[in-house]
C-alpha atoms as a PDB file:
ATOM      1  CA  LEU A   1     259.294 147.469  73.939  1.00  0.00           C
ATOM      2  CA  SER A   2     260.250 145.114  76.311  1.00  0.00           C
ATOM      3  CA  ASN A   3     263.727 144.444  77.862  1.00  0.00           C
ATOM      4  CA  ASN A   4     263.914 141.265  76.101  1.00  0.00           C
ATOM      5  CA  LEU A   5     263.141 142.225  72.638  1.00  0.00           C
ATOM      6  CA  ILE A   6     265.429 145.313  73.241  1.00  0.00           C
ATOM      7  CA  ASN A   7     268.001 142.929  74.165  1.00  0.00           C
ATOM      8  CA  ARG A   8     267.672 140.823  71.331  1.00  0.00           C
ATOM      9  CA  ASN A   9     267.608 143.630  68.811  1.00  0.00           C
ATOM     10  CA  ARG A  10     270.900 144.645  69.853  1.00  0.00           C
ATOM     11  CA  THR A  11     272.691 140.910  69.969  1.00  0.00           C
ATOM     12  CA  HIS A  12     271.309 140.464  66.574  1.00  0.00           C
ATOM     13  CA  ALA A  13     272.111 143.883  65.360  1.00  0.00           C
ATOM     14  CA  LEU A  14     275.667 142.695  66.704  1.00  0.00           C
ATOM     15  CA  GLY A  15     275.823 139.093  65.752  1.00  0.00           C
ATOM     16  CA  LYS A  16     273.732 138.596  62.262  1.00  0.00           C
ATOM     17  CA  ARG A  17     273.701 140.422  59.484  1.00  0.00           C
ATOM     18  CA  CYS A  18     269.860 140.699  57.409  1.00  0.00           C
ATOM     19  CA  HIS A  19     267.284 142.535  55.733  1.00  0.00           C
ATOM     20  CA  VAL A  20     265.221 144.532  57.627  1.00  0.00           C
ATOM     21  CA  PHE A  21     263.037 147.735  57.378  1.00  0.00           C
ATOM     22  CA  CYS A  22     265.055 150.608  58.937  1.00  0.00           C
ATOM     23  CA  ILE A  23     263.994 154.433  59.121  1.00  0.00           C
ATOM     24  CA  VAL A  24     266.115 157.653  59.703  1.00  0.00           C
ATOM     25  CA  TYR A  25     265.162 160.790  60.398  1.00  0.00           C
ATOM     26  CA  CYS A  26     267.184 163.637  58.513  1.00  0.00           C
ATOM     27  CA  ILE A  27     266.159 167.244  58.191  1.00  0.00           C
ATOM     28  CA  GLU A  28     264.125 167.427  54.643  1.00  0.00           C
ATOM     29  CA  GLU A  29     263.715 163.795  54.390  1.00  0.00           C
ATOM     30  CA  ILE A  30     263.100 160.408  55.581  1.00  0.00           C
ATOM     31  CA  TYR A  31     265.434 157.595  54.454  1.00  0.00           C
ATOM     32  CA  ILE A  32     262.903 154.343  54.619  1.00  0.00           C
ATOM     33  CA  VAL A  33     265.029 150.868  53.365  1.00  0.00           C
ATOM     34  CA  VAL A  34     262.586 148.293  52.105  1.00  0.00           C
ATOM     35  CA  SER A  35     263.364 144.856  52.552  1.00  0.00           C
ATOM     36  CA  ARG A  36     262.628 141.373  50.659  1.00  0.00           C
ATOM     37  CA  SER A  37     262.155 140.554  53.780  1.00  0.00           C
ATOM     38  CA  ASN A  38     258.424 138.880  54.013  1.00  0.00           C
ATOM     39  CA  LEU A  39     258.534 137.378  57.024  1.00  0.00           C
ATOM     40  CA  PHE A  40     257.791 139.313  60.100  1.00  0.00           C
ATOM     41  CA  THR A  41     260.471 138.658  63.066  1.00  0.00           C
ATOM     42  CA  PRO A  42     261.230 140.818  66.353  1.00  0.00           C
ATOM     43  CA  TYR A  43     264.244 142.315  64.370  1.00  0.00           C
ATOM     44  CA  ASN A  44     261.763 144.101  61.571  1.00  0.00           C
ATOM     45  CA  MET A  45     261.261 147.455  63.037  1.00  0.00           C
ATOM     46  CA  PHE A  46     258.712 148.477  60.362  1.00  0.00           C
ATOM     47  CA  ASP A  47     255.938 145.781  58.858  1.00  0.00           C
ATOM     48  CA  HIS A  48     254.970 148.046  56.192  1.00  0.00           C
ATOM     49  CA  ILE A  49     254.938 151.433  54.865  1.00  0.00           C
ATOM     50  CA  THR A  50     252.208 153.726  53.002  1.00  0.00           C
ATOM     51  CA  ILE A  51     253.455 156.985  50.987  1.00  0.00           C
ATOM     52  CA  THR A  52     250.046 159.444  49.868  1.00  0.00           C
ATOM     53  CA  VAL A  53     250.503 160.259  46.088  1.00  0.00           C
ATOM     54  CA  LYS A  54     248.863 163.394  44.496  1.00  0.00           C
ATOM     55  CA  ASN A  55     247.913 161.286  41.304  1.00  0.00           C
ATOM     56  CA  TYR A  56     246.875 157.899  42.334  1.00  0.00           C
ATOM     57  CA  ASP A  57     246.564 156.066  38.413  1.00  0.00           C
ATOM     58  CA  LEU A  58     249.197 157.334  38.051  1.00  0.00           C
ATOM     59  CA  ALA A  59     251.785 156.350  40.976  1.00  0.00           C
ATOM     60  CA  ARG A  60     250.079 152.886  40.915  1.00  0.00           C
ATOM     61  CA  SER A  61     251.027 152.696  37.416  1.00  0.00           C
ATOM     62  CA  PHE A  62     254.407 154.160  37.684  1.00  0.00           C
ATOM     63  CA  TYR A  63     254.894 151.352  40.751  1.00  0.00           C
ATOM     64  CA  GLU A  64     253.437 148.279  39.167  1.00  0.00           C
ATOM     65  CA  ILE A  65     255.721 148.764  36.412  1.00  0.00           C
ATOM     66  CA  VAL A  66     258.884 149.839  38.025  1.00  0.00           C
ATOM     67  CA  LEU A  67     258.630 147.261  40.867  1.00  0.00           C
ATOM     68  CA  ALA A  68     257.249 144.331  38.461  1.00  0.00           C
ATOM     69  CA  PRO A  69     261.079 143.146  37.469  1.00  0.00           C
ATOM     70  CA  LEU A  70     261.731 143.348  41.007  1.00  0.00           C
ATOM     71  CA  GLY A  71     259.188 140.370  42.288  1.00  0.00           C
ATOM     72  CA  TYR A  72     256.569 143.104  43.558  1.00  0.00           C
ATOM     73  CA  THR A  73     252.982 143.080  42.361  1.00  0.00           C
ATOM     74  CA  SER A  74     249.955 144.466  43.329  1.00  0.00           C
ATOM     75  CA  LEU A  75     248.446 142.535  46.102  1.00  0.00           C
ATOM     76  CA  TYR A  76     245.710 144.004  47.607  1.00  0.00           C
ATOM     77  CA  GLU A  77     243.872 147.835  46.080  1.00  0.00           C
ATOM     78  CA  GLU A  78     240.770 148.981  47.281  1.00  0.00           C
ATOM     79  CA  ASP A  79     238.113 151.475  46.297  1.00  0.00           C
ATOM     80  CA  GLY A  80     240.883 152.595  43.424  1.00  0.00           C
ATOM     81  CA  ILE A  81     242.466 154.309  46.405  1.00  0.00           C
ATOM     82  CA  VAL A  82     245.312 152.427  47.526  1.00  0.00           C
ATOM     83  CA  THR A  83     247.229 149.297  46.618  1.00  0.00           C
ATOM     84  CA  GLY A  84     249.827 147.261  48.799  1.00  0.00           C
ATOM     85  CA  PHE A  85     252.311 145.762  46.878  1.00  0.00           C
ATOM     86  CA  GLY A  86     254.712 142.742  47.970  1.00  0.00           C
ATOM     87  CA  GLU A  87     255.922 139.475  47.538  1.00  0.00           C
ATOM     88  CA  THR A  88     253.478 137.175  49.273  1.00  0.00           C
ATOM     89  CA  ARG A  89     251.579 139.655  51.578  1.00  0.00           C
ATOM     90  CA  PRO A  90     251.646 143.600  50.816  1.00  0.00           C
ATOM     91  CA  MET A  91     254.073 145.674  52.412  1.00  0.00           C
ATOM     92  CA  PHE A  92     254.686 149.236  50.436  1.00  0.00           C
ATOM     93  CA  TRP A  93     251.542 150.851  49.953  1.00  0.00           C
ATOM     94  CA  ILE A  94     250.532 153.916  48.089  1.00  0.00           C
ATOM     95  CA  ALA A  95     247.315 155.772  48.480  1.00  0.00           C
ATOM     96  CA  GLN A  96     245.745 158.568  47.450  1.00  0.00           C
ATOM     97  CA  SER A  97     246.555 162.032  49.025  1.00  0.00           C
ATOM     98  CA  ASP A  98     243.229 164.069  50.490  1.00  0.00           C
ATOM     99  CA  LYS A  99     242.282 166.479  53.115  1.00  0.00           C
ATOM    100  CA  SER A 100     243.540 164.425  56.024  1.00  0.00           C
ATOM    101  CA  HIS A 101     246.697 162.746  54.089  1.00  0.00           C
ATOM    102  CA  PRO A 102     248.584 165.147  52.309  1.00  0.00           C
ATOM    103  CA  VAL A 103     250.865 163.964  49.703  1.00  0.00           C
ATOM    104  CA  SER A 104     254.565 162.755  50.731  1.00  0.00           C
ATOM    105  CA  ALA A 105     257.472 164.502  49.936  1.00  0.00           C
ATOM    106  CA  ASN A 106     260.725 164.264  50.253  1.00  0.00           C
ATOM    107  CA  VAL A 107     260.096 160.420  51.199  1.00  0.00           C
ATOM    108  CA  HIS A 108     263.388 157.942  50.033  1.00  0.00           C
ATOM    109  CA  LEU A 109     262.589 154.578  49.734  1.00  0.00           C
ATOM    110  CA  SER A 110     265.023 151.884  49.190  1.00  0.00           C
ATOM    111  CA  PHE A 111     264.125 148.566  48.090  1.00  0.00           C
ATOM    112  CA  SER A 112     266.680 145.748  48.175  1.00  0.00           C
ATOM    113  CA  VAL A 113     267.064 143.155  44.969  1.00  0.00           C
ATOM    114  CA  GLU A 114     269.370 139.989  45.102  1.00  0.00           C
ATOM    115  CA  ASP A 115     271.500 140.979  41.805  1.00  0.00           C
ATOM    116  CA  ARG A 116     272.577 143.894  40.089  1.00  0.00           C
ATOM    117  CA  GLU A 117     271.239 143.496  36.991  1.00  0.00           C
ATOM    118  CA  LEU A 118     267.769 144.041  38.894  1.00  0.00           C
ATOM    119  CA  VAL A 119     268.936 147.289  39.850  1.00  0.00           C
ATOM    120  CA  ASP A 120     269.766 148.188  36.287  1.00  0.00           C
ATOM    121  CA  LEU A 121     266.401 146.939  34.571  1.00  0.00           C
ATOM    122  CA  PHE A 122     264.737 149.163  37.739  1.00  0.00           C
ATOM    123  CA  TYR A 123     266.269 152.789  36.991  1.00  0.00           C
ATOM    124  CA  GLU A 124     265.411 151.705  32.857  1.00  0.00           C
ATOM    125  CA  GLN A 125     261.729 150.755  33.911  1.00  0.00           C
ATOM    126  CA  ALA A 126     261.177 154.532  36.063  1.00  0.00           C
ATOM    127  CA  ILE A 127     263.102 156.154  33.646  1.00  0.00           C
ATOM    128  CA  LYS A 128     260.578 155.130  31.042  1.00  0.00           C
ATOM    129  CA  GLU A 129     257.365 155.430  33.339  1.00  0.00           C
ATOM    130  CA  GLY A 130     258.943 159.391  34.140  1.00  0.00           C
ATOM    131  CA  GLY A 131     261.020 159.257  36.617  1.00  0.00           C
ATOM    132  CA  LYS A 132     263.516 161.558  36.354  1.00  0.00           C
ATOM    133  CA  ASP A 133     267.544 160.320  36.848  1.00  0.00           C
ATOM    134  CA  ASN A 134     268.962 160.837  40.856  1.00  0.00           C
ATOM    135  CA  GLY A 135     271.582 158.278  40.142  1.00  0.00           C
ATOM    136  CA  ALA A 136     272.593 156.057  37.195  1.00  0.00           C
ATOM    137  CA  PRO A 137     273.344 152.445  38.344  1.00  0.00           C
ATOM    138  CA  GLY A 138     276.386 151.954  39.681  1.00  0.00           C
ATOM    139  CA  LEU A 139     278.795 151.339  42.698  1.00  0.00           C
ATOM    140  CA  ARG A 140     278.680 153.635  45.432  1.00  0.00           C
ATOM    141  CA  PRO A 141     281.399 153.124  47.286  1.00  0.00           C
ATOM    142  CA  GLU A 142     282.235 155.452  49.595  1.00  0.00           C
ATOM    143  CA  TYR A 143     278.258 154.242  51.053  1.00  0.00           C
ATOM    144  CA  GLU A 144     279.658 150.692  51.657  1.00  0.00           C
ATOM    145  CA  GLU A 145     281.870 148.427  48.824  1.00  0.00           C
ATOM    146  CA  ASN A 146     279.434 146.299  47.545  1.00  0.00           C
ATOM    147  CA  TYR A 147     277.049 149.226  47.727  1.00  0.00           C
ATOM    148  CA  TYR A 148     275.442 149.140  43.913  1.00  0.00           C
ATOM    149  CA  ALA A 149     272.250 151.100  43.883  1.00  0.00           C
ATOM    150  CA  ALA A 150     270.045 153.259  41.778  1.00  0.00           C
ATOM    151  CA  PHE A 151     268.212 156.469  42.576  1.00  0.00           C
ATOM    152  CA  VAL A 152     265.292 157.850  40.525  1.00  0.00           C
ATOM    153  CA  ILE A 153     262.979 160.667  41.516  1.00  0.00           C
ATOM    154  CA  ASP A 154     259.043 159.743  41.278  1.00  0.00           C
ATOM    155  CA  HIS A 155     255.849 161.549  39.746  1.00  0.00           C
ATOM    156  CA  ASP A 156     255.832 162.804  43.737  1.00  0.00           C
ATOM    157  CA  GLY A 157     259.117 164.140  44.552  1.00  0.00           C
ATOM    158  CA  ASN A 158     259.957 160.758  46.277  1.00  0.00           C
ATOM    159  CA  ASN A 159     263.348 159.810  45.920  1.00  0.00           C
ATOM    160  CA  ILE A 160     263.149 155.667  44.900  1.00  0.00           C
ATOM    161  CA  GLU A 161     266.558 153.271  44.664  1.00  0.00           C
ATOM    162  CA  ALA A 162     266.918 149.425  44.192  1.00  0.00           C
ATOM    163  CA  LEU A 163     269.652 148.487  45.931  1.00  0.00           C
ATOM    164  CA  CYS A 164     272.107 145.164  45.795  1.00  0.00           C
ATOM    165  CA  ARG A 165     274.579 144.954  48.466  1.00  0.00           C
ATOM    166  CA  THR A 166     276.069 141.632  46.912  1.00  0.00           C
ATOM    167  CA  GLU A 167     279.561 141.122  45.396  1.00  0.00           C
ATOM    168  CA  GLU A 168     279.867 140.594  41.360  1.00  0.00           C
END
């Protein structure tokens, strides 16, 4: 990164609130926030993210149903082993694992949504599709005042979240 880009990011982070991709490495998990923004700006940390899965067909079906209410659809698929989801371009990808690409495990994906009803719908759909409850929809003021989220463990053990930060 150039110093100019680093300085603009720093100024932007202090001066404005925006939806961006971010990743934080923890001891046993990777936390990822997937933004609804489809525009590339110098302030986005990530352009897209891919997780590898043990059962591609099951994962594709699961994510297709769970992400549809959030406005994300499958925009690209190749050879029945990789799919990219998004609104106008693929930003969240799933791919079949293989010897060179093991199953992604303990990944925390957080999908940013515009209202609390979408969090509720995300949770309901994920549970119906075989996801395991990891936190029912609700406010989590210990994170932030308006942090309304739901958490579900997908078929590969990843913690997926729908998050709304707007006031009710």
